[in-house]
Each structure stands twice: as structure tokens, then as C-alpha cells.
């Protein structure tokens, strides 16, 4: 039985160029790996789309011991309409604050030494203007929920998270991961009549390991993807060519030109 931890948060992006600039130049993250796919993922990793798409992992260090962002790009989608569930990612980096100011990227100070920056697509990041710690500078992901106690029960009782903080007055809670195995998670969710979006399935990545995945939905519909540990460690090795693969893919992407020539707009999703 291996220890579980938070691995990724997935962002669907419509403008890879500006998005790459935000994560690389402003946040100071590195491209850890980049993968192109000709058809949709059978676990809906890229959403409910069947066409060509790409996945880019960016972060402050290897996925073995860092929380990273997964940037999903669907070639035919020009914009995504955001809901009110994702409230932001908080990280500690005085360098990111300095980078934003040098780049002229809009910053809003929301508390003493805490700045809000908006990534392309409207995703919020909260930058604490403190020396970046040696460990992973990503502190937390904040999600909006409709019923705090119901969500706490789901994430702690069913998914094995530890409750670090809970404030009933401010209606917020902070949780972190515990231990379990994928088959046991699936069996528990079936017993408790909880929603399973994708039953336990094996996913192939060309030239890389096959990884086991199960995707759940919490009471508010937030998608939670669990992956098997051993194969994931092989799949998630840092690719030294990640930056070049991403840059080459962006340079070769003629989807904007094609839609313009056809006098069509990319779809909104």
C-alpha cells in the first residue's frame, strides 16, 4: 500500500503561447514533460473531446515530490467558460511577484504581501511575497463547495484525507492526503453509492508506461483522478526535451489559421 498525495491540478487552456509564458516566465515553473495525442483520452483526460489534443506538465520540480499543473489544450477549442468552483492556487515565491512586475503583468495586492495574478483563461493564483522555500512552493488549491460538511466528510471519510483546519464560521477547511489503493477506493465508492466518472481503467501513453486510473466526482462534481503509483513514477519522469516539444508543437499549430481561412470561430466550451 503506497502513500497517496496530490499530484496535479488540470487547467484547460485555449492559448498555449500566453499560458506557457505565464507559467514559465512569471511563475518560474519548468516544463517537465509534453505529450501530443491524435485522439481523445478514454478516461476523458482532455474533457469530452475526441480530437487532437496535448498535455503539458509544468512545475517547480519532478512530479515524484512536487505538485504540478497539467495544461490541457484541445486544438479546436478557442475559449473555456469558467464556473465558480476553482478559487485559486496559493504559492510562495517572491521571485514570481518580481517577475510579474517586470513583465507588466497585472497584480492586485489582496493582503499584506499577498498578490493575485490571473493566468490566461481567468485562473487565479495567489502569490505570497516571501522567499521561496526549498520544498515545493505550492501551498494549496482552493475549491468552492456548496455544503462544507458534506464535502469534508467525502474527502476525509471516503478519500482518507486528514483535516488540518476547519472553521465553521468562515465555512472553510484545509485537508491533506492519507493512504489507500485504487481497487479499494473503487470498491468503497460502489458500496457508498458514490459517483464514479471513469471506473478503474488502464491508460496507454505511446512509448511510456501504462498507468491505472480511476476518476471520481465529489458532492459538487469536482473530478478527482487517482493513478497507480509504480507505473506513474515511470510515466512522469522529467523529459529534458519538454520545453522543445512544447515550443515545436506551438510553432506547428496552424489551427487558428485554419479556422480563419474557413471563416469559422473555434468553439467555446
Protein backbone atom coordinates (compact mmCIF):
# COMPACT_ATOMS: atom_id res chain seq x y z
CA UNK A 1 0.00 0.00 0.00
CA UNK A 2 1.59 3.27 -1.11
CA UNK A 3 1.11 6.73 0.34
CA UNK A 4 -1.26 9.00 -1.58
CA UNK A 5 -0.62 12.65 -2.28
CA UNK A 6 -1.95 15.40 -4.51
CA UNK A 7 -0.20 15.25 -7.90
CA UNK A 8 -1.77 17.68 -10.38
CA UNK A 9 -4.44 20.25 -10.96
CA UNK A 10 -5.73 20.29 -14.54
CA UNK A 11 -6.25 23.55 -16.43
CA UNK A 12 -7.90 23.55 -19.83
CA UNK A 13 -6.14 26.23 -21.87
CA UNK A 14 -7.07 27.85 -25.18
CA UNK A 15 -3.95 30.00 -25.74
CA UNK A 16 -0.83 27.88 -25.26
CA UNK A 17 1.57 30.72 -26.07
CA UNK A 18 0.38 33.16 -23.38
CA UNK A 19 -0.23 30.31 -20.97
CA UNK A 20 3.32 28.96 -21.40
CA UNK A 21 4.67 32.47 -20.84
CA UNK A 22 2.71 32.83 -17.59
CA UNK A 23 3.88 29.54 -16.11
CA UNK A 24 7.48 29.67 -17.36
CA UNK A 25 8.36 33.36 -17.19
CA UNK A 26 6.09 34.67 -14.42
CA UNK A 27 5.69 31.73 -12.04
CA UNK A 28 9.15 30.39 -12.90
CA UNK A 29 7.98 26.81 -13.43
CA UNK A 30 9.70 24.34 -15.76
CA UNK A 31 8.17 22.17 -18.47
CA UNK A 32 8.53 18.67 -17.02
CA UNK A 33 7.03 16.79 -19.98
CA UNK A 34 4.89 17.47 -23.04
CA UNK A 35 2.77 14.93 -24.93
CA UNK A 36 0.70 15.22 -28.10
CA UNK A 37 -2.30 12.96 -28.80
CA UNK A 38 -4.17 12.41 -32.05
CA UNK A 39 -7.47 11.35 -30.47
CA UNK A 40 -9.39 11.81 -27.24
CA UNK A 41 -8.49 10.08 -23.99
CA UNK A 42 -10.71 7.15 -22.99
CA UNK A 43 -10.68 8.44 -19.41
CA UNK A 44 -11.71 11.91 -20.66
CA UNK A 45 -8.37 13.42 -19.54
CA UNK A 46 -8.90 16.20 -22.08
CA UNK A 47 -12.62 16.58 -21.40
CA UNK A 48 -15.47 15.35 -23.62
CA UNK A 49 -13.49 15.79 -26.85
CA UNK A 50 -12.40 13.24 -29.46
CA UNK A 51 -9.91 15.28 -31.47
CA UNK A 52 -6.23 16.16 -31.37
CA UNK A 53 -5.01 17.49 -28.01
CA UNK A 54 -1.89 17.96 -25.92
CA UNK A 55 -0.88 17.68 -22.28
CA UNK A 56 1.94 19.72 -20.71
CA UNK A 57 3.14 19.24 -17.13
CA UNK A 58 4.74 22.30 -15.54
CA UNK A 59 6.08 22.70 -12.02
CA UNK A 60 8.95 23.60 -9.70
CA UNK A 61 10.47 20.13 -9.67
CA UNK A 62 9.90 16.44 -10.53
CA UNK A 63 6.40 15.03 -10.17
CA UNK A 64 7.76 12.50 -7.67
CA UNK A 65 7.85 15.16 -4.98
CA UNK A 66 6.21 18.32 -6.37
CA UNK A 67 2.64 19.35 -7.06
CA UNK A 68 2.39 20.37 -10.72
CA UNK A 69 -0.05 21.95 -13.14
CA UNK A 70 -1.37 19.90 -16.05
CA UNK A 71 -2.15 22.13 -19.04
CA UNK A 72 -4.63 20.53 -21.41
CA UNK A 73 -5.04 22.02 -24.89
CA UNK A 74 -7.73 20.91 -27.37
CA UNK A 75 -6.90 22.10 -30.88
CA UNK A 76 -10.45 23.01 -31.84
CA UNK A 77 -11.44 24.95 -28.71
CA UNK A 78 -10.93 28.72 -28.65
CA UNK A 79 -12.11 29.52 -25.12
CA UNK A 80 -13.49 27.92 -21.97
CA UNK A 81 -16.22 29.37 -19.81
CA UNK A 82 -15.22 29.15 -16.16
CA UNK A 83 -17.56 28.09 -13.39
CA UNK A 84 -17.34 29.19 -9.77
CA UNK A 85 -15.68 26.07 -8.37
CA UNK A 86 -11.95 26.82 -8.80
CA UNK A 87 -11.00 29.68 -6.47
CA UNK A 88 -7.23 29.68 -6.88
CA UNK A 89 -3.80 28.17 -6.20
CA UNK A 90 -1.62 29.72 -3.49
CA UNK A 91 2.17 29.57 -3.73
CA UNK A 92 5.17 31.15 -2.01
CA UNK A 93 7.52 32.95 -4.40
CA UNK A 94 8.93 36.45 -4.11
CA UNK A 95 10.56 35.73 -7.49
CA UNK A 96 7.15 35.25 -9.13
CA UNK A 97 5.98 38.59 -7.73
CA UNK A 98 9.15 40.25 -9.04
CA UNK A 99 8.74 38.55 -12.43
CA UNK A 100 5.15 39.76 -12.75
CA UNK A 101 6.15 43.35 -12.02
CA UNK A 102 8.99 43.24 -14.56
CA UNK A 103 6.67 41.77 -17.20
CA UNK A 104 3.96 44.34 -16.51
CA UNK A 105 1.53 41.52 -15.70
CA UNK A 106 -1.43 42.85 -13.68
CA UNK A 107 -1.11 42.20 -9.94
CA UNK A 108 -3.59 43.02 -7.19
CA UNK A 109 -2.47 43.11 -3.56
CA UNK A 110 -5.27 41.43 -1.61
CA UNK A 111 -3.47 41.28 1.76
CA UNK A 112 -0.10 42.36 3.14
CA UNK A 113 2.46 40.66 0.91
CA UNK A 114 -0.11 38.54 -0.97
CA UNK A 115 -0.79 39.30 -4.64
CA UNK A 116 -3.43 37.98 -7.01
CA UNK A 117 -2.32 37.20 -10.57
CA UNK A 118 -4.64 35.87 -13.27
CA UNK A 119 -3.39 33.25 -15.71
CA UNK A 120 -4.72 33.25 -19.29
CA UNK A 121 -8.22 31.81 -19.19
CA UNK A 122 -9.08 33.53 -15.91
CA UNK A 123 -7.45 31.12 -13.44
CA UNK A 124 -6.42 32.86 -10.19
CA UNK A 125 -3.04 32.46 -8.49
CA UNK A 126 -2.20 33.94 -5.09
CA UNK A 127 1.48 34.77 -4.74
CA UNK A 128 2.94 35.19 -1.25
CA UNK A 129 5.84 37.61 -1.49
CA UNK A 130 8.21 35.56 0.65
CA UNK A 131 11.43 33.69 -0.04
CA UNK A 132 10.61 30.52 -1.96
CA UNK A 133 11.02 27.54 0.34
CA UNK A 134 13.37 24.69 -0.56
CA UNK A 135 10.41 22.34 -0.62
CA UNK A 136 7.55 22.71 -3.08
CA UNK A 137 6.38 26.36 -3.03
CA UNK A 138 2.80 25.38 -3.97
CA UNK A 139 0.81 25.62 -0.73
CA UNK A 140 -2.78 24.77 -1.57
CA UNK A 141 -5.60 24.59 -4.11
CA UNK A 142 -8.83 26.31 -3.07
CA UNK A 143 -12.18 24.98 -4.31
CA UNK A 144 -15.67 26.33 -3.75
CA UNK A 145 -18.22 23.87 -2.34
CA UNK A 146 -21.95 24.05 -1.74
CA UNK A 147 -22.02 22.15 1.56
CA UNK A 148 -18.82 22.29 3.65
CA UNK A 149 -19.62 19.41 6.00
CA UNK A 150 -20.73 17.15 3.17
CA UNK A 151 -17.52 17.86 1.26
CA UNK A 152 -15.33 17.40 4.35
CA UNK A 153 -17.00 14.05 5.01
CA UNK A 154 -16.37 12.96 1.42
CA UNK A 155 -12.72 13.99 1.24
CA UNK A 156 -11.85 12.78 4.76
CA UNK A 157 -14.08 9.76 5.41
CA UNK A 158 -14.13 8.31 1.89
CA UNK A 159 -10.84 9.52 0.40
CA UNK A 160 -8.77 9.24 3.59
CA UNK A 161 -7.66 12.86 3.89
CA UNK A 162 -6.56 14.37 7.19
CA UNK A 163 -8.37 17.52 8.37
CA UNK A 164 -5.71 20.10 9.23
CA UNK A 165 -8.00 23.07 9.80
CA UNK A 166 -11.74 23.63 9.94
CA UNK A 167 -13.53 26.93 10.53
CA UNK A 168 -17.31 26.65 10.65
CA UNK A 169 -17.73 30.42 10.95
CA UNK A 170 -15.80 31.18 7.77
CA UNK A 171 -17.07 27.97 6.13
CA UNK A 172 -13.68 26.65 5.11
CA UNK A 173 -11.49 23.61 5.76
CA UNK A 174 -7.95 22.52 4.90
CA UNK A 175 -7.28 18.85 4.16
CA UNK A 176 -4.38 16.66 3.03
CA UNK A 177 -3.99 13.07 1.82
CA UNK A 178 -3.77 9.69 3.59
CA UNK A 179 -3.18 6.10 2.26
CA UNK A 180 -5.15 3.65 0.08
CA UNK A 181 -5.18 1.58 -3.15
CA UNK A 182 -7.15 2.12 -6.36
CA UNK A 183 -9.19 -1.08 -6.27
CA UNK A 184 -10.13 -0.42 -2.65
CA UNK A 185 -11.17 3.13 -3.49
CA UNK A 186 -13.38 1.87 -6.33
CA UNK A 187 -14.97 -0.79 -4.11
CA UNK A 188 -15.65 1.73 -1.35
CA UNK A 189 -17.27 4.20 -3.75
CA UNK A 190 -19.53 1.47 -5.12
CA UNK A 191 -20.51 0.41 -1.59
CA UNK A 192 -21.29 4.01 -0.63
CA UNK A 193 -23.18 4.66 -3.90
CA UNK A 194 -20.81 7.50 -4.83
CA UNK A 195 -20.31 8.75 -8.37
CA UNK A 196 -17.56 7.08 -10.39
CA UNK A 197 -16.93 9.01 -13.61
CA UNK A 198 -14.41 6.52 -15.02
CA UNK A 199 -14.18 3.02 -13.50
CA UNK A 200 -10.69 1.60 -12.96
CA UNK A 201 -9.05 1.60 -16.40
CA UNK A 202 -5.55 1.19 -17.88
CA UNK A 203 -4.32 4.11 -19.98
CA UNK A 204 -1.53 3.81 -22.53
CA UNK A 205 0.87 6.62 -23.39
CA UNK A 206 2.89 5.86 -26.57
CA UNK A 207 6.43 4.87 -25.66
CA UNK A 208 5.74 5.10 -21.92
CA UNK A 209 4.24 3.08 -19.10
CA UNK A 210 0.62 2.00 -18.90
CA UNK A 211 -0.97 3.52 -15.81
CA UNK A 212 -4.11 2.55 -13.92
CA UNK A 213 -6.63 5.35 -13.36
CA UNK A 214 -9.97 5.82 -11.62
CA UNK A 215 -11.88 9.12 -11.79
CA UNK A 216 -14.43 10.10 -9.14
CA UNK A 217 -16.68 13.11 -8.55
CA UNK A 218 -17.19 14.71 -5.13
CA UNK A 219 -20.61 16.05 -3.98
CA UNK A 220 -20.12 19.21 -6.08
CA UNK A 221 -18.91 17.36 -9.17
CA UNK A 222 -15.21 18.18 -8.79
CA UNK A 223 -13.34 15.50 -10.71
CA UNK A 224 -10.73 13.55 -8.73
CA UNK A 225 -8.35 11.32 -10.67
CA UNK A 226 -6.35 8.63 -8.85
CA UNK A 227 -3.41 6.96 -10.60
CA UNK A 228 -1.37 3.89 -9.71
CA UNK A 229 1.97 4.67 -8.06
CA UNK A 230 4.51 2.35 -9.70
CA UNK A 231 3.63 2.97 -13.35
CA UNK A 232 3.10 6.66 -12.70
CA UNK A 233 6.67 7.06 -11.46
CA UNK A 234 7.88 5.74 -14.80
CA UNK A 235 5.38 7.78 -16.82
CA UNK A 236 6.16 11.03 -15.00
CA UNK A 237 9.94 11.12 -15.36
CA UNK A 238 11.18 14.58 -16.29
CA UNK A 239 11.76 14.86 -20.04
CA UNK A 240 14.76 17.13 -20.77
CA UNK A 241 13.19 17.83 -24.18
CA UNK A 242 9.90 19.04 -22.67
CA UNK A 243 10.46 22.72 -23.47
CA UNK A 244 11.43 21.98 -27.07
CA UNK A 245 8.49 19.62 -27.60
CA UNK A 246 6.07 22.27 -26.35
CA UNK A 247 7.67 25.05 -28.41
CA UNK A 248 7.73 22.88 -31.54
CA UNK A 249 4.07 21.94 -31.06
CA UNK A 250 3.06 25.58 -30.64
CA UNK A 251 5.04 26.58 -33.73
CA UNK A 252 3.41 23.82 -35.78
CA UNK A 253 -0.11 24.59 -34.55
CA UNK A 254 -1.99 26.01 -37.55
CA UNK A 255 -5.44 25.64 -36.03
CA UNK A 256 -6.01 29.41 -35.69
CA UNK A 257 -5.03 29.94 -39.34
CA UNK A 258 -7.26 27.06 -40.50
CA UNK A 259 -10.30 28.38 -38.66
CA UNK A 260 -9.66 31.89 -40.02
CA UNK A 261 -9.41 30.58 -43.59
CA UNK A 262 -12.67 28.69 -43.12
CA UNK A 263 -14.23 31.88 -41.71
CA UNK A 264 -15.12 29.98 -38.56
CA UNK A 265 -14.53 30.57 -34.87
CA UNK A 266 -13.11 27.96 -32.59
CA UNK A 267 -15.75 26.50 -30.29
CA UNK A 268 -16.30 27.76 -26.76
CA UNK A 269 -16.54 25.10 -24.07
